[in-house]
């Protein structure tokens, strides 16, 4: 089976203006990403702030992104939450909007035991149509999908991707082994781990930095796949000061600030997310200047 995408994907921010979803800004950002060579857009993932949006607002975001992209690149819609039925209901609402897949995070807060986790993903697989990209982000959910769980899930062809956002490289290597021969493609979900995961066989990346510097992220990934690994590594290292600044506070607080500084959209957030501190903003401005985007 062909991967949902190969290359640099972006975890798109959701622009707000005066408390409302800014659809005009979304359209501009989608066009910018496509022009930069971005291979896929992930909408309403963590960076898109779905937790503070109503179901209607989330659907508006997905609808706007899909309509603007018009099939030019795949759109992956975040549907995951800590209620299995809510994920199913959301995915079924998005079924006809033009999404290529859905991104489903491991359940958080109420979490689960191993069997409940397996049944959560299988229930979604059995009751939705959109292909599923599993999202493992233990720093936010308190759950780290283990290789034995990936072995079980890999037997079902409804799962087409794993967005891996852990920093445990030895365990990630075991997951890569578990996914061999399956329909599940590996994607890096941490900007500072992009190069290492590409070396482990990732088909691409889902980048927060790509909101600000999509051409540079695309250049890094395309260089790697072209066989120019020194150039890819050099770009990863060049991006590191910006990446550190973008994660100096909870994502997407710094990313939204960077978007506003670059004139791309409003930096407006919704509580409990709050404006970036002066100290972190200073570091962000320095990093953006050093990389030539301010």
C-alpha atoms as a PDB file:
ATOM      1  CA  UNK A   1       0.000   0.000   0.000  1.00  0.00           C
ATOM      2  CA  UNK A   2       1.223   3.512  -0.850  1.00  0.00           C
ATOM      3  CA  UNK A   3       1.884   5.800   2.117  1.00  0.00           C
ATOM      4  CA  UNK A   4      -0.608   8.596   2.781  1.00  0.00           C
ATOM      5  CA  UNK A   5       2.302  10.941   2.089  1.00  0.00           C
ATOM      6  CA  UNK A   6       6.065  10.959   1.767  1.00  0.00           C
ATOM      7  CA  UNK A   7       8.037  14.074   2.703  1.00  0.00           C
ATOM      8  CA  UNK A   8       7.400  17.081   4.901  1.00  0.00           C
ATOM      9  CA  UNK A   9       3.970  17.451   6.452  1.00  0.00           C
ATOM     10  CA  UNK A  10       2.961  20.456   8.543  1.00  0.00           C
ATOM     11  CA  UNK A  11       0.980  20.420  11.792  1.00  0.00           C
ATOM     12  CA  UNK A  12      -1.038  23.498  10.850  1.00  0.00           C
ATOM     13  CA  UNK A  13      -1.953  26.179  13.369  1.00  0.00           C
ATOM     14  CA  UNK A  14      -5.550  27.352  13.566  1.00  0.00           C
ATOM     15  CA  UNK A  15      -5.658  31.153  13.164  1.00  0.00           C
ATOM     16  CA  UNK A  16      -8.150  32.988  15.366  1.00  0.00           C
ATOM     17  CA  UNK A  17      -9.216  36.619  15.029  1.00  0.00           C
ATOM     18  CA  UNK A  18     -11.458  38.386  17.530  1.00  0.00           C
ATOM     19  CA  UNK A  19     -12.366  35.050  19.067  1.00  0.00           C
ATOM     20  CA  UNK A  20     -13.419  33.369  15.838  1.00  0.00           C
ATOM     21  CA  UNK A  21     -11.760  30.930  13.445  1.00  0.00           C
ATOM     22  CA  UNK A  22     -10.104  33.023  10.724  1.00  0.00           C
ATOM     23  CA  UNK A  23     -10.997  31.120   7.548  1.00  0.00           C
ATOM     24  CA  UNK A  24      -9.365  33.693   5.266  1.00  0.00           C
ATOM     25  CA  UNK A  25      -6.058  33.209   7.093  1.00  0.00           C
ATOM     26  CA  UNK A  26      -6.435  29.425   6.860  1.00  0.00           C
ATOM     27  CA  UNK A  27      -6.818  29.737   3.102  1.00  0.00           C
ATOM     28  CA  UNK A  28      -3.649  31.851   2.862  1.00  0.00           C
ATOM     29  CA  UNK A  29      -1.671  29.414   5.015  1.00  0.00           C
ATOM     30  CA  UNK A  30      -2.775  26.408   2.967  1.00  0.00           C
ATOM     31  CA  UNK A  31      -1.736  28.127  -0.261  1.00  0.00           C
ATOM     32  CA  UNK A  32       1.609  29.064   1.297  1.00  0.00           C
ATOM     33  CA  UNK A  33       2.242  25.468   2.332  1.00  0.00           C
ATOM     34  CA  UNK A  34       1.398  24.076  -1.088  1.00  0.00           C
ATOM     35  CA  UNK A  35       3.612  26.661  -2.797  1.00  0.00           C
ATOM     36  CA  UNK A  36       6.484  25.702  -0.453  1.00  0.00           C
ATOM     37  CA  UNK A  37       6.295  22.057  -1.484  1.00  0.00           C
ATOM     38  CA  UNK A  38       4.748  20.733   1.715  1.00  0.00           C
ATOM     39  CA  UNK A  39       3.611  17.157   1.128  1.00  0.00           C
ATOM     40  CA  UNK A  40       0.636  17.033   3.532  1.00  0.00           C
ATOM     41  CA  UNK A  41      -1.310  19.173   5.979  1.00  0.00           C
ATOM     42  CA  UNK A  42      -2.395  17.894   9.362  1.00  0.00           C
ATOM     43  CA  UNK A  43      -5.314  20.034  10.556  1.00  0.00           C
ATOM     44  CA  UNK A  44      -6.733  20.102  14.084  1.00  0.00           C
ATOM     45  CA  UNK A  45      -3.826  18.182  15.535  1.00  0.00           C
ATOM     46  CA  UNK A  46      -2.252  19.379  18.784  1.00  0.00           C
ATOM     47  CA  UNK A  47      -0.803  22.495  17.117  1.00  0.00           C
ATOM     48  CA  UNK A  48      -4.254  23.342  15.748  1.00  0.00           C
ATOM     49  CA  UNK A  49      -5.739  23.742  19.248  1.00  0.00           C
ATOM     50  CA  UNK A  50      -8.766  21.468  18.788  1.00  0.00           C
ATOM     51  CA  UNK A  51      -9.269  21.138  22.552  1.00  0.00           C
ATOM     52  CA  UNK A  52     -10.523  24.727  22.795  1.00  0.00           C
ATOM     53  CA  UNK A  53     -12.778  24.620  19.727  1.00  0.00           C
ATOM     54  CA  UNK A  54     -16.391  23.526  19.432  1.00  0.00           C
ATOM     55  CA  UNK A  55     -17.217  20.578  17.156  1.00  0.00           C
ATOM     56  CA  UNK A  56     -18.654  23.066  14.667  1.00  0.00           C
ATOM     57  CA  UNK A  57     -15.456  25.120  14.666  1.00  0.00           C
ATOM     58  CA  UNK A  58     -13.283  22.035  14.162  1.00  0.00           C
ATOM     59  CA  UNK A  59     -15.438  20.970  11.240  1.00  0.00           C
ATOM     60  CA  UNK A  60     -15.176  24.489   9.787  1.00  0.00           C
ATOM     61  CA  UNK A  61     -11.368  24.269   9.961  1.00  0.00           C
ATOM     62  CA  UNK A  62     -11.262  20.858   8.280  1.00  0.00           C
ATOM     63  CA  UNK A  63     -13.777  21.910   5.644  1.00  0.00           C
ATOM     64  CA  UNK A  64     -11.834  25.098   4.866  1.00  0.00           C
ATOM     65  CA  UNK A  65      -8.467  23.326   4.634  1.00  0.00           C
ATOM     66  CA  UNK A  66      -9.842  20.575   2.384  1.00  0.00           C
ATOM     67  CA  UNK A  67     -11.715  23.003   0.137  1.00  0.00           C
ATOM     68  CA  UNK A  68      -8.647  25.216  -0.283  1.00  0.00           C
ATOM     69  CA  UNK A  69      -6.271  22.334  -0.919  1.00  0.00           C
ATOM     70  CA  UNK A  70      -8.742  20.934  -3.465  1.00  0.00           C
ATOM     71  CA  UNK A  71      -7.011  17.575  -3.648  1.00  0.00           C
ATOM     72  CA  UNK A  72      -3.567  18.986  -4.434  1.00  0.00           C
ATOM     73  CA  UNK A  73      -2.032  17.454  -1.301  1.00  0.00           C
ATOM     74  CA  UNK A  74      -3.494  15.055   1.287  1.00  0.00           C
ATOM     75  CA  UNK A  75      -5.220  16.485   4.353  1.00  0.00           C
ATOM     76  CA  UNK A  76      -5.110  14.527   7.602  1.00  0.00           C
ATOM     77  CA  UNK A  77      -7.771  15.577  10.094  1.00  0.00           C
ATOM     78  CA  UNK A  78      -7.300  15.303  13.837  1.00  0.00           C
ATOM     79  CA  UNK A  79     -10.196  13.325  15.293  1.00  0.00           C
ATOM     80  CA  UNK A  80      -8.596  11.913  18.439  1.00  0.00           C
ATOM     81  CA  UNK A  81      -9.834  12.494  21.966  1.00  0.00           C
ATOM     82  CA  UNK A  82     -10.231  10.477  25.161  1.00  0.00           C
ATOM     83  CA  UNK A  83     -13.741   9.273  24.257  1.00  0.00           C
ATOM     84  CA  UNK A  84     -13.810   6.444  21.732  1.00  0.00           C
ATOM     85  CA  UNK A  85     -17.346   7.219  20.602  1.00  0.00           C
ATOM     86  CA  UNK A  86     -16.523  10.908  20.157  1.00  0.00           C
ATOM     87  CA  UNK A  87     -13.651   9.965  17.826  1.00  0.00           C
ATOM     88  CA  UNK A  88     -15.983   7.751  15.798  1.00  0.00           C
ATOM     89  CA  UNK A  89     -18.659  10.449  15.584  1.00  0.00           C
ATOM     90  CA  UNK A  90     -16.129  13.094  14.534  1.00  0.00           C
ATOM     91  CA  UNK A  91     -14.503  10.902  11.886  1.00  0.00           C
ATOM     92  CA  UNK A  92     -17.896  10.108  10.412  1.00  0.00           C
ATOM     93  CA  UNK A  93     -18.722  13.831  10.256  1.00  0.00           C
ATOM     94  CA  UNK A  94     -15.510  14.421   8.283  1.00  0.00           C
ATOM     95  CA  UNK A  95     -15.919  11.436   5.969  1.00  0.00           C
ATOM     96  CA  UNK A  96     -17.146  13.395   2.948  1.00  0.00           C
ATOM     97  CA  UNK A  97     -15.075  16.578   3.384  1.00  0.00           C
ATOM     98  CA  UNK A  98     -12.118  15.386   1.318  1.00  0.00           C
ATOM     99  CA  UNK A  99      -9.702  14.175   4.001  1.00  0.00           C
ATOM    100  CA  UNK A 100      -7.147  11.527   3.108  1.00  0.00           C
ATOM    101  CA  UNK A 101      -6.907  10.184   6.667  1.00  0.00           C
ATOM    102  CA  UNK A 102      -7.593  10.898  10.321  1.00  0.00           C
ATOM    103  CA  UNK A 103      -5.052  11.434  13.108  1.00  0.00           C
ATOM    104  CA  UNK A 104      -6.007   9.597  16.309  1.00  0.00           C
ATOM    105  CA  UNK A 105      -4.059  10.336  19.482  1.00  0.00           C
ATOM    106  CA  UNK A 106      -3.816   7.836  22.328  1.00  0.00           C
ATOM    107  CA  UNK A 107      -6.473   8.500  24.994  1.00  0.00           C
ATOM    108  CA  UNK A 108      -5.382  10.916  27.719  1.00  0.00           C
ATOM    109  CA  UNK A 109      -6.481  11.828  31.260  1.00  0.00           C
ATOM    110  CA  UNK A 110      -8.775   8.816  31.774  1.00  0.00           C
ATOM    111  CA  UNK A 111      -6.148   6.831  29.787  1.00  0.00           C
ATOM    112  CA  UNK A 112      -6.626   3.051  29.804  1.00  0.00           C
ATOM    113  CA  UNK A 113      -5.021  -0.309  30.391  1.00  0.00           C
ATOM    114  CA  UNK A 114      -3.427  -2.209  27.499  1.00  0.00           C
ATOM    115  CA  UNK A 115      -6.550  -4.064  26.426  1.00  0.00           C
ATOM    116  CA  UNK A 116      -8.664  -0.921  26.596  1.00  0.00           C
ATOM    117  CA  UNK A 117      -6.128   0.919  24.468  1.00  0.00           C
ATOM    118  CA  UNK A 118      -6.209  -1.825  21.847  1.00  0.00           C
ATOM    119  CA  UNK A 119     -10.007  -1.922  21.843  1.00  0.00           C
ATOM    120  CA  UNK A 120     -10.136   1.888  21.541  1.00  0.00           C
ATOM    121  CA  UNK A 121      -8.174   1.842  18.294  1.00  0.00           C
ATOM    122  CA  UNK A 122      -9.940  -1.243  16.934  1.00  0.00           C
ATOM    123  CA  UNK A 123     -13.381   0.240  17.622  1.00  0.00           C
ATOM    124  CA  UNK A 124     -12.380   3.311  15.613  1.00  0.00           C
ATOM    125  CA  UNK A 125     -11.028   1.095  12.834  1.00  0.00           C
ATOM    126  CA  UNK A 126     -14.243  -0.925  12.704  1.00  0.00           C
ATOM    127  CA  UNK A 127     -16.658   2.013  12.816  1.00  0.00           C
ATOM    128  CA  UNK A 128     -15.072   4.681  10.604  1.00  0.00           C
ATOM    129  CA  UNK A 129     -14.044   4.911   6.955  1.00  0.00           C
ATOM    130  CA  UNK A 130     -11.096   7.321   6.961  1.00  0.00           C
ATOM    131  CA  UNK A 131      -7.671   5.614   7.163  1.00  0.00           C
ATOM    132  CA  UNK A 132      -6.048   6.025  10.573  1.00  0.00           C
ATOM    133  CA  UNK A 133      -2.718   7.584  11.499  1.00  0.00           C
ATOM    134  CA  UNK A 134      -1.965   6.676  15.118  1.00  0.00           C
ATOM    135  CA  UNK A 135      -0.484   9.501  17.186  1.00  0.00           C
ATOM    136  CA  UNK A 136       1.887   8.594  20.011  1.00  0.00           C
ATOM    137  CA  UNK A 137       2.786  11.607  22.170  1.00  0.00           C
ATOM    138  CA  UNK A 138       3.541  10.411  25.719  1.00  0.00           C
ATOM    139  CA  UNK A 139       4.600  13.868  26.972  1.00  0.00           C
ATOM    140  CA  UNK A 140       0.965  14.985  26.612  1.00  0.00           C
ATOM    141  CA  UNK A 141      -1.039  11.803  27.161  1.00  0.00           C
ATOM    142  CA  UNK A 142       0.931   9.861  29.756  1.00  0.00           C
ATOM    143  CA  UNK A 143       0.761   6.793  27.503  1.00  0.00           C
ATOM    144  CA  UNK A 144       3.635   5.526  25.360  1.00  0.00           C
ATOM    145  CA  UNK A 145       2.544   2.985  22.748  1.00  0.00           C
ATOM    146  CA  UNK A 146       4.849   0.008  23.085  1.00  0.00           C
ATOM    147  CA  UNK A 147       6.197  -2.308  20.352  1.00  0.00           C
ATOM    148  CA  UNK A 148       3.925  -5.191  21.397  1.00  0.00           C
ATOM    149  CA  UNK A 149       0.857  -2.965  20.963  1.00  0.00           C
ATOM    150  CA  UNK A 150       2.065  -1.856  17.539  1.00  0.00           C
ATOM    151  CA  UNK A 151       2.490  -5.545  16.606  1.00  0.00           C
ATOM    152  CA  UNK A 152      -1.194  -6.112  17.415  1.00  0.00           C
ATOM    153  CA  UNK A 153      -2.448  -3.006  15.623  1.00  0.00           C
ATOM    154  CA  UNK A 154      -0.222  -3.624  12.579  1.00  0.00           C
ATOM    155  CA  UNK A 155      -2.325  -6.686  11.727  1.00  0.00           C
ATOM    156  CA  UNK A 156      -5.216  -4.375  10.770  1.00  0.00           C
ATOM    157  CA  UNK A 157      -4.845  -2.629   7.403  1.00  0.00           C
ATOM    158  CA  UNK A 158      -7.049   0.271   8.508  1.00  0.00           C
ATOM    159  CA  UNK A 159      -3.966   1.729  10.208  1.00  0.00           C
ATOM    160  CA  UNK A 160      -1.736   3.527   7.701  1.00  0.00           C
ATOM    161  CA  UNK A 161       0.633   5.621   9.800  1.00  0.00           C
ATOM    162  CA  UNK A 162       2.289   6.189  13.157  1.00  0.00           C
ATOM    163  CA  UNK A 163       3.127   9.763  14.119  1.00  0.00           C
ATOM    164  CA  UNK A 164       5.857   9.102  16.669  1.00  0.00           C
ATOM    165  CA  UNK A 165       6.510  11.869  19.195  1.00  0.00           C
ATOM    166  CA  UNK A 166       8.518  10.083  21.856  1.00  0.00           C
ATOM    167  CA  UNK A 167      12.227  10.577  22.507  1.00  0.00           C
ATOM    168  CA  UNK A 168      12.948   6.947  23.377  1.00  0.00           C
ATOM    169  CA  UNK A 169      14.991   5.942  20.325  1.00  0.00           C
ATOM    170  CA  UNK A 170      15.688   2.368  21.437  1.00  0.00           C
ATOM    171  CA  UNK A 171      11.953   1.717  21.807  1.00  0.00           C
ATOM    172  CA  UNK A 172      11.237   3.491  18.507  1.00  0.00           C
ATOM    173  CA  UNK A 173      13.681   1.105  16.844  1.00  0.00           C
ATOM    174  CA  UNK A 174      11.694  -1.805  18.230  1.00  0.00           C
ATOM    175  CA  UNK A 175       8.515  -0.254  16.843  1.00  0.00           C
ATOM    176  CA  UNK A 176      10.141   0.039  13.416  1.00  0.00           C
ATOM    177  CA  UNK A 177      10.827  -3.689  13.569  1.00  0.00           C
ATOM    178  CA  UNK A 178       7.233  -4.348  14.663  1.00  0.00           C
ATOM    179  CA  UNK A 179       5.871  -2.398  11.681  1.00  0.00           C
ATOM    180  CA  UNK A 180       7.856  -4.292   9.033  1.00  0.00           C
ATOM    181  CA  UNK A 181       5.596  -5.683   6.343  1.00  0.00           C
ATOM    182  CA  UNK A 182       2.558  -3.765   7.619  1.00  0.00           C
ATOM    183  CA  UNK A 183       0.557  -0.911   6.093  1.00  0.00           C
ATOM    184  CA  UNK A 184       1.756   1.471   8.817  1.00  0.00           C
ATOM    185  CA  UNK A 185       4.268   4.128   7.752  1.00  0.00           C
ATOM    186  CA  UNK A 186       6.401   5.854  10.380  1.00  0.00           C
ATOM    187  CA  UNK A 187       6.387   9.668  10.630  1.00  0.00           C
ATOM    188  CA  UNK A 188       8.452  11.870  12.935  1.00  0.00           C
ATOM    189  CA  UNK A 189       6.288  14.002  15.199  1.00  0.00           C
ATOM    190  CA  UNK A 190       9.095  15.956  16.902  1.00  0.00           C
ATOM    191  CA  UNK A 191      11.009  18.597  14.952  1.00  0.00           C
ATOM    192  CA  UNK A 192      14.220  17.914  16.858  1.00  0.00           C
ATOM    193  CA  UNK A 193      13.952  14.195  16.063  1.00  0.00           C
ATOM    194  CA  UNK A 194      13.267  14.494  12.337  1.00  0.00           C
ATOM    195  CA  UNK A 195      16.697  13.478  11.090  1.00  0.00           C
ATOM    196  CA  UNK A 196      17.096  10.536  13.506  1.00  0.00           C
ATOM    197  CA  UNK A 197      13.689   9.122  12.588  1.00  0.00           C
ATOM    198  CA  UNK A 198      14.367   9.518   8.878  1.00  0.00           C
ATOM    199  CA  UNK A 199      17.464   7.372   9.382  1.00  0.00           C
ATOM    200  CA  UNK A 200      15.228   4.738  11.003  1.00  0.00           C
ATOM    201  CA  UNK A 201      13.024   4.604   7.932  1.00  0.00           C
ATOM    202  CA  UNK A 202      10.387   7.287   8.507  1.00  0.00           C
ATOM    203  CA  UNK A 203       8.430   8.165   5.376  1.00  0.00           C
ATOM    204  CA  UNK A 204       8.283  11.798   6.409  1.00  0.00           C
ATOM    205  CA  UNK A 205       7.766  14.307   9.192  1.00  0.00           C
ATOM    206  CA  UNK A 206       4.885  16.205  10.768  1.00  0.00           C
ATOM    207  CA  UNK A 207       6.477  19.538  11.588  1.00  0.00           C
ATOM    208  CA  UNK A 208       5.528  22.502  13.766  1.00  0.00           C
ATOM    209  CA  UNK A 209       8.481  24.523  12.438  1.00  0.00           C
ATOM    210  CA  UNK A 210       6.998  23.970   8.984  1.00  0.00           C
ATOM    211  CA  UNK A 211       4.405  26.623   9.838  1.00  0.00           C
ATOM    212  CA  UNK A 212       7.205  29.205   9.822  1.00  0.00           C
ATOM    213  CA  UNK A 213       9.870  27.778   7.505  1.00  0.00           C
ATOM    214  CA  UNK A 214       8.102  25.247   5.253  1.00  0.00           C
ATOM    215  CA  UNK A 215      10.720  25.508   2.495  1.00  0.00           C
ATOM    216  CA  UNK A 216      13.557  24.679   4.892  1.00  0.00           C
ATOM    217  CA  UNK A 217      11.793  21.668   6.381  1.00  0.00           C
ATOM    218  CA  UNK A 218      10.906  20.489   2.897  1.00  0.00           C
ATOM    219  CA  UNK A 219      14.528  20.962   1.808  1.00  0.00           C
ATOM    220  CA  UNK A 220      15.797  18.898   4.729  1.00  0.00           C
ATOM    221  CA  UNK A 221      13.477  15.977   4.055  1.00  0.00           C
ATOM    222  CA  UNK A 222      13.879  16.033   0.280  1.00  0.00           C
ATOM    223  CA  UNK A 223      17.679  16.152   0.660  1.00  0.00           C
ATOM    224  CA  UNK A 224      17.541  13.064   2.831  1.00  0.00           C
ATOM    225  CA  UNK A 225      15.393  11.142   0.352  1.00  0.00           C
ATOM    226  CA  UNK A 226      17.636  12.271  -2.516  1.00  0.00           C
ATOM    227  CA  UNK A 227      20.564  10.612  -0.748  1.00  0.00           C
ATOM    228  CA  UNK A 228      22.242  13.834   0.353  1.00  0.00           C
ATOM    229  CA  UNK A 229      22.297  12.971   4.036  1.00  0.00           C
ATOM    230  CA  UNK A 230      25.017  15.525   4.927  1.00  0.00           C
ATOM    231  CA  UNK A 231      22.813  18.336   3.583  1.00  0.00           C
ATOM    232  CA  UNK A 232      19.799  16.982   5.485  1.00  0.00           C
ATOM    233  CA  UNK A 233      21.780  16.789   8.720  1.00  0.00           C
ATOM    234  CA  UNK A 234      23.186  20.289   8.175  1.00  0.00           C
ATOM    235  CA  UNK A 235      19.661  21.661   7.753  1.00  0.00           C
ATOM    236  CA  UNK A 236      18.463  19.856  10.891  1.00  0.00           C
ATOM    237  CA  UNK A 237      21.300  21.450  12.849  1.00  0.00           C
ATOM    238  CA  UNK A 238      20.621  24.871  11.302  1.00  0.00           C
ATOM    239  CA  UNK A 239      16.988  24.640  12.374  1.00  0.00           C
ATOM    240  CA  UNK A 240      17.717  23.602  15.958  1.00  0.00           C
ATOM    241  CA  UNK A 241      17.830  27.120  17.534  1.00  0.00           C
ATOM    242  CA  UNK A 242      14.448  27.905  15.987  1.00  0.00           C
ATOM    243  CA  UNK A 243      13.057  24.521  17.055  1.00  0.00           C
ATOM    244  CA  UNK A 244      14.204  25.091  20.637  1.00  0.00           C
ATOM    245  CA  UNK A 245      12.579  28.537  20.635  1.00  0.00           C
ATOM    246  CA  UNK A 246       9.335  27.104  19.239  1.00  0.00           C
ATOM    247  CA  UNK A 247       9.155  24.663  22.150  1.00  0.00           C
ATOM    248  CA  UNK A 248      10.421  26.946  24.916  1.00  0.00           C
ATOM    249  CA  UNK A 249       6.805  27.072  26.100  1.00  0.00           C
ATOM    250  CA  UNK A 250       3.838  24.787  25.470  1.00  0.00           C
ATOM    251  CA  UNK A 251       3.123  24.338  21.772  1.00  0.00           C
ATOM    252  CA  UNK A 252       1.587  26.226  19.968  1.00  0.00           C
ATOM    253  CA  UNK A 253       2.182  29.331  22.139  1.00  0.00           C
ATOM    254  CA  UNK A 254       5.611  30.178  20.604  1.00  0.00           C
ATOM    255  CA  UNK A 255       4.524  29.044  17.133  1.00  0.00           C
ATOM    256  CA  UNK A 256       1.545  31.396  17.174  1.00  0.00           C
ATOM    257  CA  UNK A 257       3.839  34.223  18.301  1.00  0.00           C
ATOM    258  CA  UNK A 258       6.247  33.437  15.468  1.00  0.00           C
ATOM    259  CA  UNK A 259       3.400  33.412  12.952  1.00  0.00           C
ATOM    260  CA  UNK A 260       2.367  36.898  14.079  1.00  0.00           C
ATOM    261  CA  UNK A 261       5.962  38.184  14.040  1.00  0.00           C
ATOM    262  CA  UNK A 262       6.337  36.889  10.485  1.00  0.00           C
ATOM    263  CA  UNK A 263       3.065  38.546   9.433  1.00  0.00           C
ATOM    264  CA  UNK A 264       1.411  35.244   8.555  1.00  0.00           C
ATOM    265  CA  UNK A 265      -1.623  35.428  10.850  1.00  0.00           C
ATOM    266  CA  UNK A 266      -2.756  36.659  14.242  1.00  0.00           C
ATOM    267  CA  UNK A 267      -1.031  35.132  17.250  1.00  0.00           C
ATOM    268  CA  UNK A 268      -4.346  34.926  19.083  1.00  0.00           C
ATOM    269  CA  UNK A 269      -4.733  31.972  21.469  1.00  0.00           C
ATOM    270  CA  UNK A 270      -7.554  30.610  23.589  1.00  0.00           C
ATOM    271  CA  UNK A 271      -7.338  30.020  27.324  1.00  0.00           C
ATOM    272  CA  UNK A 272      -5.830  28.129  29.017  1.00  0.00           C
ATOM    273  CA  UNK A 273      -3.094  28.908  26.474  1.00  0.00           C
ATOM    274  CA  UNK A 274      -1.752  32.408  27.070  1.00  0.00           C
ATOM    275  CA  UNK A 275       0.600  34.906  25.473  1.00  0.00           C
ATOM    276  CA  UNK A 276       4.278  33.977  25.295  1.00  0.00           C
ATOM    277  CA  UNK A 277       6.538  35.388  28.039  1.00  0.00           C
ATOM    278  CA  UNK A 278       8.874  38.259  27.208  1.00  0.00           C
ATOM    279  CA  UNK A 279      11.911  36.061  27.830  1.00  0.00           C
ATOM    280  CA  UNK A 280      10.744  33.315  25.476  1.00  0.00           C
ATOM    281  CA  UNK A 281       9.658  35.867  22.888  1.00  0.00           C
ATOM    282  CA  UNK A 282      13.126  37.419  22.942  1.00  0.00           C
ATOM    283  CA  UNK A 283      14.704  34.025  22.265  1.00  0.00           C
ATOM    284  CA  UNK A 284      12.208  33.407  19.486  1.00  0.00           C
ATOM    285  CA  UNK A 285      12.971  36.743  17.826  1.00  0.00           C
ATOM    286  CA  UNK A 286      16.714  36.037  18.016  1.00  0.00           C
ATOM    287  CA  UNK A 287      16.243  32.597  16.462  1.00  0.00           C
ATOM    288  CA  UNK A 288      14.070  33.973  13.677  1.00  0.00           C
ATOM    289  CA  UNK A 289      16.598  36.714  12.916  1.00  0.00           C
ATOM    290  CA  UNK A 290      19.502  34.259  12.918  1.00  0.00           C
ATOM    291  CA  UNK A 291      17.746  32.040  10.407  1.00  0.00           C
ATOM    292  CA  UNK A 292      16.836  35.008   8.198  1.00  0.00           C
ATOM    293  CA  UNK A 293      13.066  35.157   8.571  1.00  0.00           C
ATOM    294  CA  UNK A 294      12.916  38.470  10.447  1.00  0.00           C
END
